[in-house]
């Protein structure tokens, strides 16, 4: 697995965790738990946004890490 692929896998995991936490907050009736899940979702969103920025920066600096562009180019060949 390449660095680019690993980074995109991590980014997708962060997106999934963020969505799960938001879902937990919506599904619970316990106000304390709802607030806790919302706080955690906000923290993960900040981490996700920072990581996404890093992925974008690395892809600009090192084009070989552009996972989705490489996949599309390989399909066109």
Protein backbone atom coordinates (compact mmCIF):
# COMPACT_ATOMS: atom_id res chain seq x y z
CA UNK A 1 0.00 0.00 0.00
CA UNK A 2 1.43 3.35 -1.01
CA UNK A 3 1.67 6.38 1.25
CA UNK A 4 -1.06 8.09 -0.77
CA UNK A 5 -3.37 5.12 -0.41
CA UNK A 6 -2.72 4.89 3.34
CA UNK A 7 -3.45 8.59 3.77
CA UNK A 8 -6.73 8.32 1.86
CA UNK A 9 -7.68 5.25 3.91
CA UNK A 10 -7.05 7.22 7.10
CA UNK A 11 -9.03 10.18 5.77
CA UNK A 12 -11.96 7.90 4.93
CA UNK A 13 -11.78 6.39 8.42
CA UNK A 14 -11.90 9.86 9.98
CA UNK A 15 -14.93 10.70 7.85
CA UNK A 16 -16.63 7.49 8.96
CA UNK A 17 -15.94 8.08 12.65
CA UNK A 18 -17.22 11.65 12.33
CA UNK A 19 -20.46 10.43 10.73
CA UNK A 20 -20.90 7.70 13.36
CA UNK A 21 -20.48 10.15 16.24
CA UNK A 22 -23.01 12.54 14.70
CA UNK A 23 -25.43 9.63 14.31
CA UNK A 24 -24.97 8.59 17.95
CA UNK A 25 -25.70 12.17 19.04
CA UNK A 26 -28.92 12.20 17.03
CA UNK A 27 -30.08 8.77 18.20
CA UNK A 28 -29.69 9.16 21.96
CA UNK A 29 -32.21 10.75 24.29
CA UNK A 30 -29.61 11.20 27.05
CA UNK A 31 -28.65 14.89 26.90
CA UNK A 32 -25.27 14.32 28.51
CA UNK A 33 -24.40 11.58 26.02
CA UNK A 34 -25.74 13.72 23.15
CA UNK A 35 -23.42 16.56 24.17
CA UNK A 36 -20.47 14.20 24.56
CA UNK A 37 -20.97 12.69 21.08
CA UNK A 38 -21.40 16.16 19.59
CA UNK A 39 -18.19 17.35 21.22
CA UNK A 40 -16.32 14.29 20.00
CA UNK A 41 -17.72 14.75 16.48
CA UNK A 42 -16.51 18.35 16.48
CA UNK A 43 -13.04 17.28 17.60
CA UNK A 44 -12.85 14.60 14.92
CA UNK A 45 -14.05 17.11 12.32
CA UNK A 46 -11.16 19.43 13.23
CA UNK A 47 -8.70 16.55 12.96
CA UNK A 48 -10.27 15.43 9.67
CA UNK A 49 -10.06 18.93 8.22
CA UNK A 50 -6.42 19.29 9.23
CA UNK A 51 -5.53 15.88 7.86
CA UNK A 52 -7.41 16.58 4.63
CA UNK A 53 -5.42 19.78 4.22
CA UNK A 54 -2.22 17.83 4.69
CA UNK A 55 -3.28 15.22 2.12
CA UNK A 56 -4.07 17.97 -0.39
CA UNK A 57 -0.73 19.67 0.28
CA UNK A 58 1.24 16.44 -0.14
CA UNK A 59 -0.60 15.61 -3.36
CA UNK A 60 0.35 19.03 -4.75
CA UNK A 61 3.97 18.62 -3.73
CA UNK A 62 4.27 14.95 -4.65
CA UNK A 63 1.95 14.15 -7.59
CA UNK A 64 2.70 10.42 -7.34
CA UNK A 65 0.59 10.37 -4.13
CA UNK A 66 -2.56 11.47 -5.98
CA UNK A 67 -4.45 8.24 -5.48
CA UNK A 68 -7.64 9.10 -7.35
CA UNK A 69 -5.94 10.79 -10.30
CA UNK A 70 -3.60 7.80 -10.73
CA UNK A 71 -6.53 5.36 -10.64
CA UNK A 72 -8.39 7.37 -13.28
CA UNK A 73 -5.30 7.60 -15.49
CA UNK A 74 -4.71 3.84 -15.24
CA UNK A 75 -8.32 3.14 -16.30
CA UNK A 76 -7.96 5.37 -19.36
CA UNK A 77 -4.86 3.51 -20.63
